Amino acid sequence: MARLTTLFGVAIAALASCQRFHPEAPDPRGLAQELAAVDACIHGGGSWSLDARQCVSGADARAAAASTWRD
């Protein structure tokens, strides 16, 4: 049973080592930096715009929300 488990583990490792990384996959370091920026934005009283990927101040966010509902 131990040999079968070892063989299975080696097979999984061999398959995993053959996998290619997708060139358009997001960089994990960039994701960590963006999450840090989102956190800093929220703690600063702003809101994060997913479309623009930037921080919007509290007043700007309220004005944008109000104009959305008026249109």
Protein backbone atom coordinates (compact mmCIF):
# COMPACT_ATOMS: atom_id res chain seq x y z
CA MET A 1 0.00 0.00 0.00
CA ALA A 2 2.87 2.38 0.81
CA ARG A 3 4.46 1.72 -2.58
CA LEU A 4 1.21 2.44 -4.36
CA THR A 5 0.82 5.71 -2.46
CA THR A 6 4.40 6.70 -3.30
CA LEU A 7 3.89 5.84 -6.95
CA PHE A 8 0.68 7.86 -7.01
CA GLY A 9 2.46 10.84 -5.41
CA VAL A 10 5.31 10.67 -7.92
CA ALA A 11 2.81 10.51 -10.80
CA ILE A 12 0.97 13.59 -9.51
CA ALA A 13 4.25 15.48 -9.11
CA ALA A 14 5.31 14.52 -12.63
CA LEU A 15 2.03 15.74 -14.11
CA ALA A 16 2.17 18.98 -12.14
CA SER A 17 5.72 19.71 -13.29
CA CYS A 18 4.66 19.42 -16.94
CA GLN A 19 1.94 22.05 -16.66
CA ARG A 20 2.59 25.32 -18.46
CA PHE A 21 1.68 28.67 -17.03
CA HIS A 22 -0.75 30.71 -19.06
CA PRO A 23 1.00 33.85 -20.36
CA GLU A 24 -2.04 36.04 -19.68
CA ALA A 25 -2.56 34.79 -16.13
CA PRO A 26 -2.49 37.57 -13.55
CA ASP A 27 0.74 37.97 -11.64
CA PRO A 28 0.17 37.02 -7.98
CA ARG A 29 2.43 39.87 -6.86
CA GLY A 30 0.29 42.35 -8.80
CA LEU A 31 -2.82 40.95 -7.16
CA ALA A 32 -1.27 41.39 -3.72
CA GLN A 33 -0.37 44.99 -4.53
CA GLU A 34 -3.88 45.71 -5.81
CA LEU A 35 -5.46 44.20 -2.69
CA ALA A 36 -3.18 46.38 -0.55
CA ALA A 37 -4.28 49.43 -2.54
CA VAL A 38 -7.95 48.49 -2.08
CA ASP A 39 -7.42 48.07 1.65
CA ALA A 40 -5.65 51.43 1.94
CA CYS A 41 -8.40 53.09 -0.09
CA ILE A 42 -11.17 51.73 2.12
CA HIS A 43 -9.32 52.63 5.32
CA GLY A 44 -8.83 56.14 3.92
CA GLY A 45 -12.59 56.62 3.58
CA GLY A 46 -12.81 56.07 -0.16
CA SER A 47 -14.27 53.33 -2.28
CA TRP A 48 -12.56 51.19 -4.89
CA SER A 49 -13.78 51.43 -8.48
CA LEU A 50 -13.59 47.97 -10.07
CA ASP A 51 -13.95 49.40 -13.58
CA ALA A 52 -11.22 52.03 -13.25
CA ARG A 53 -9.14 50.04 -10.73
CA GLN A 54 -8.52 53.14 -8.67
CA CYS A 55 -9.59 54.74 -5.44
CA VAL A 56 -12.53 57.12 -5.51
CA SER A 57 -12.93 59.56 -2.64
CA GLY A 58 -16.08 59.40 -0.54
CA ALA A 59 -17.62 62.54 -2.06
CA ASP A 60 -16.86 61.46 -5.62
CA ALA A 61 -18.38 58.04 -5.01
CA ARG A 62 -21.58 59.55 -3.61
CA ALA A 63 -21.86 61.94 -6.59
CA ALA A 64 -21.33 59.11 -9.07
CA ALA A 65 -23.95 56.98 -7.34
CA ALA A 66 -26.43 59.86 -7.33
CA SER A 67 -25.89 60.55 -11.04
CA THR A 68 -26.35 56.85 -11.81
CA TRP A 69 -29.74 56.82 -10.14
CA ARG A 70 -30.82 60.09 -11.81
CA ASP A 71 -30.05 58.85 -15.34
